[in-house]
């Protein structure tokens, strides 16, 4: 069983296989081909941060592959409030086939991965955003081909998406140039652990 919590949890080979499969599925769906790969499978979608695109894309994807998506907002469940996060993970994990989480706390996602006996997908946390990054890499591959040895510029806050681009630079083998305002740099551990060339340029406010 594999979780998808941070982009670098998976190898370059695995990530490219996911992207290639997604491109094929997208083409097949546009041609009206029926795919029931996830028939009788249920995905629990846990949100404490709302997102139109995330909810619609995951629900539509499950439906198109013959499965069912169960939407759970912060009004429907009580992670860390009415019951411990560990208990919530165990209970939900015993009833579904996978869990997708779009939540503020990355620690909650890690706790679920250790206690729910099903795959966990990080659809956004305060630390990383791997599904969005995969969508970006898929778009590049569809339009431009292989991103290896290319150069990507990140301009903005050193936030969760910036962190994930740093992981992607290492996994996919591209150069990442980062420009952030002073005081909004990416976290230092990521800067020191990145495996490929990365430049942090600070813009004066």
Protein backbone atom coordinates (compact mmCIF):
# COMPACT_ATOMS: atom_id res chain seq x y z
CA UNK A 1 0.00 0.00 0.00
CA UNK A 2 1.33 3.43 -1.01
CA UNK A 3 0.31 6.85 0.25
CA UNK A 4 0.66 10.08 -1.71
CA UNK A 5 1.48 12.67 0.93
CA UNK A 6 4.50 14.45 -0.55
CA UNK A 7 5.56 14.42 -4.17
CA UNK A 8 8.90 12.79 -3.40
CA UNK A 9 7.17 9.85 -1.71
CA UNK A 10 7.11 8.32 -5.20
CA UNK A 11 9.91 7.76 -7.68
CA UNK A 12 10.34 9.53 -10.99
CA UNK A 13 9.24 6.31 -12.72
CA UNK A 14 6.06 6.02 -10.64
CA UNK A 15 5.12 9.68 -11.08
CA UNK A 16 5.64 9.59 -14.83
CA UNK A 17 3.57 6.41 -15.03
CA UNK A 18 0.73 8.16 -13.17
CA UNK A 19 0.94 11.11 -15.55
CA UNK A 20 1.03 8.89 -18.64
CA UNK A 21 -1.97 6.89 -17.39
CA UNK A 22 -3.85 10.12 -16.68
CA UNK A 23 -3.21 11.38 -20.21
CA UNK A 24 -4.55 8.11 -21.64
CA UNK A 25 -7.63 8.16 -19.39
CA UNK A 26 -8.33 11.77 -20.36
CA UNK A 27 -8.24 10.88 -24.06
CA UNK A 28 -10.40 7.80 -23.56
CA UNK A 29 -13.00 9.77 -21.61
CA UNK A 30 -13.21 12.40 -24.36
CA UNK A 31 -13.83 9.58 -26.83
CA UNK A 32 -16.70 8.29 -24.70
CA UNK A 33 -14.95 5.09 -23.62
CA UNK A 34 -16.24 3.55 -20.37
CA UNK A 35 -13.70 2.62 -17.69
CA UNK A 36 -14.88 0.93 -14.49
CA UNK A 37 -11.48 0.45 -12.87
CA UNK A 38 -12.80 1.77 -9.53
CA UNK A 39 -16.18 0.03 -9.61
CA UNK A 40 -17.52 -0.58 -6.08
CA UNK A 41 -14.69 1.51 -4.58
CA UNK A 42 -15.36 4.44 -2.24
CA UNK A 43 -13.14 7.47 -1.71
CA UNK A 44 -13.66 9.52 1.46
CA UNK A 45 -12.86 13.19 0.80
CA UNK A 46 -12.05 15.12 3.98
CA UNK A 47 -12.08 18.92 3.67
CA UNK A 48 -11.43 21.59 6.26
CA UNK A 49 -10.29 23.94 3.48
CA UNK A 50 -12.90 24.44 0.77
CA UNK A 51 -12.03 24.15 -2.92
CA UNK A 52 -14.38 24.05 -5.87
CA UNK A 53 -11.89 22.49 -8.28
CA UNK A 54 -10.54 19.89 -5.88
CA UNK A 55 -13.97 18.62 -4.94
CA UNK A 56 -15.33 18.56 -8.48
CA UNK A 57 -12.22 16.95 -9.98
CA UNK A 58 -12.03 14.13 -7.42
CA UNK A 59 -15.77 13.45 -7.47
CA UNK A 60 -15.89 13.51 -11.26
CA UNK A 61 -12.82 11.29 -11.51
CA UNK A 62 -14.29 8.68 -9.17
CA UNK A 63 -17.61 8.70 -11.06
CA UNK A 64 -15.89 8.41 -14.45
CA UNK A 65 -13.99 5.34 -13.21
CA UNK A 66 -17.10 3.69 -11.76
CA UNK A 67 -16.48 4.52 -8.10
CA UNK A 68 -18.11 6.73 -5.49
CA UNK A 69 -16.80 9.80 -3.65
CA UNK A 70 -18.01 10.67 -0.16
CA UNK A 71 -17.66 14.38 0.73
CA UNK A 72 -16.92 15.16 4.39
CA UNK A 73 -16.54 18.81 5.40
CA UNK A 74 -15.41 20.12 8.78
CA UNK A 75 -19.13 20.29 9.68
CA UNK A 76 -19.53 16.56 9.04
CA UNK A 77 -16.61 15.21 11.05
CA UNK A 78 -14.65 16.41 14.05
CA UNK A 79 -10.97 15.72 13.51
CA UNK A 80 -9.21 16.43 16.78
CA UNK A 81 -12.32 17.99 18.37
CA UNK A 82 -15.08 15.52 19.22
CA UNK A 83 -12.75 12.54 19.00
CA UNK A 84 -9.00 12.01 18.62
CA UNK A 85 -7.57 12.17 15.09
CA UNK A 86 -6.24 8.64 15.48
CA UNK A 87 -9.73 7.28 16.20
CA UNK A 88 -11.21 9.16 13.24
CA UNK A 89 -8.55 7.72 10.95
CA UNK A 90 -9.17 4.17 12.15
CA UNK A 91 -12.96 4.40 11.81
CA UNK A 92 -13.07 6.06 8.38
CA UNK A 93 -10.29 3.82 7.10
CA UNK A 94 -12.27 0.73 8.05
CA UNK A 95 -15.23 1.78 5.86
CA UNK A 96 -13.70 3.10 2.63
CA UNK A 97 -11.06 2.13 0.07
CA UNK A 98 -9.02 5.35 0.10
CA UNK A 99 -9.00 8.74 1.80
CA UNK A 100 -8.27 12.12 0.20
CA UNK A 101 -7.55 15.02 2.57
CA UNK A 102 -7.52 18.77 1.91
CA UNK A 103 -6.72 20.13 5.35
CA UNK A 104 -4.74 22.82 7.12
CA UNK A 105 -2.59 20.51 9.21
CA UNK A 106 -0.01 18.33 7.45
CA UNK A 107 0.34 16.46 10.75
CA UNK A 108 -3.29 15.28 10.43
CA UNK A 109 -2.48 13.71 7.06
CA UNK A 110 0.56 11.96 8.50
CA UNK A 111 -1.54 10.69 11.44
CA UNK A 112 -4.13 9.27 9.04
CA UNK A 113 -1.41 7.53 7.01
CA UNK A 114 -0.18 5.79 10.16
CA UNK A 115 -3.59 4.69 11.43
CA UNK A 116 -6.00 4.26 8.50
CA UNK A 117 -5.46 0.96 6.73
CA UNK A 118 -6.06 2.46 3.27
CA UNK A 119 -4.08 4.76 0.93
CA UNK A 120 -4.04 8.46 1.87
CA UNK A 121 -3.91 11.22 -0.76
CA UNK A 122 -2.79 14.72 0.16
CA UNK A 123 -4.99 17.14 -1.81
CA UNK A 124 -3.45 20.10 0.06
CA UNK A 125 -1.86 20.78 3.43
CA UNK A 126 0.04 23.68 4.96
CA UNK A 127 3.30 22.01 3.83
CA UNK A 128 2.68 20.60 0.35
CA UNK A 129 0.31 20.31 -2.60
CA UNK A 130 1.38 17.25 -4.64
CA UNK A 131 -1.83 16.74 -6.67
CA UNK A 132 -1.67 20.27 -8.08
CA UNK A 133 1.98 19.76 -8.97
CA UNK A 134 1.14 16.52 -10.80
CA UNK A 135 -1.50 18.40 -12.77
CA UNK A 136 1.12 21.01 -13.70
CA UNK A 137 3.59 18.33 -14.80
CA UNK A 138 0.87 16.58 -16.81
CA UNK A 139 -0.01 19.84 -18.58
CA UNK A 140 3.65 20.49 -19.42
CA UNK A 141 4.09 16.96 -20.77
CA UNK A 142 0.97 17.25 -22.93
CA UNK A 143 2.06 20.61 -24.39
CA UNK A 144 5.87 20.55 -24.34
CA UNK A 145 7.09 17.01 -23.60
CA UNK A 146 9.65 15.99 -20.97
CA UNK A 147 10.44 18.69 -18.38
CA UNK A 148 13.80 17.15 -17.44
CA UNK A 149 16.71 19.61 -17.80
CA UNK A 150 14.32 22.53 -18.32
CA UNK A 151 14.21 25.64 -16.09
CA UNK A 152 11.19 26.67 -14.03
CA UNK A 153 10.74 30.03 -12.27
CA UNK A 154 8.72 30.38 -9.08
CA UNK A 155 7.75 33.94 -8.14
CA UNK A 156 5.76 34.49 -4.95
CA UNK A 157 5.55 33.24 -1.38
CA UNK A 158 7.63 30.26 -0.32
CA UNK A 159 4.41 28.42 0.47
CA UNK A 160 3.15 24.84 0.20
CA UNK A 161 3.13 24.97 -3.60
CA UNK A 162 6.66 26.34 -3.67
CA UNK A 163 7.75 23.51 -1.34
CA UNK A 164 6.24 20.97 -3.73
CA UNK A 165 7.95 22.54 -6.75
CA UNK A 166 11.22 22.12 -4.89
CA UNK A 167 10.49 18.43 -4.41
CA UNK A 168 9.51 18.20 -8.09
CA UNK A 169 12.78 19.78 -9.21
CA UNK A 170 14.60 16.94 -7.49
CA UNK A 171 12.30 14.16 -8.71
CA UNK A 172 11.75 15.33 -12.30
CA UNK A 173 15.25 16.76 -12.81
CA UNK A 174 14.59 20.38 -13.72
CA UNK A 175 16.25 23.58 -12.46
CA UNK A 176 14.09 25.73 -10.19
CA UNK A 177 14.72 29.45 -9.71
CA UNK A 178 12.82 30.89 -6.75
CA UNK A 179 12.08 34.57 -6.14
CA UNK A 180 10.27 35.49 -2.93
CA UNK A 181 9.78 38.64 -0.86
CA UNK A 182 12.07 38.95 2.14
CA UNK A 183 10.56 37.07 5.07
CA UNK A 184 8.57 34.70 2.84
CA UNK A 185 11.34 32.29 1.88
CA UNK A 186 10.74 28.51 1.68
CA UNK A 187 11.55 26.51 4.78
CA UNK A 188 15.29 26.03 5.36
CA UNK A 189 15.24 22.20 5.62
CA UNK A 190 13.85 22.01 2.09
CA UNK A 191 16.50 24.38 0.80
CA UNK A 192 19.32 22.31 2.27
CA UNK A 193 17.89 18.92 1.27
CA UNK A 194 16.99 19.66 -2.34
CA UNK A 195 18.92 17.38 -4.69
CA UNK A 196 18.90 19.44 -7.86
CA UNK A 197 20.06 22.99 -8.57
CA UNK A 198 17.81 25.58 -6.93
CA UNK A 199 18.41 29.32 -6.64
CA UNK A 200 16.64 31.48 -4.09
CA UNK A 201 16.51 35.14 -5.12
CA UNK A 202 15.05 37.54 -2.60
CA UNK A 203 13.11 40.56 -3.84
CA UNK A 204 13.11 43.67 -1.72
CA UNK A 205 9.60 44.76 -0.67
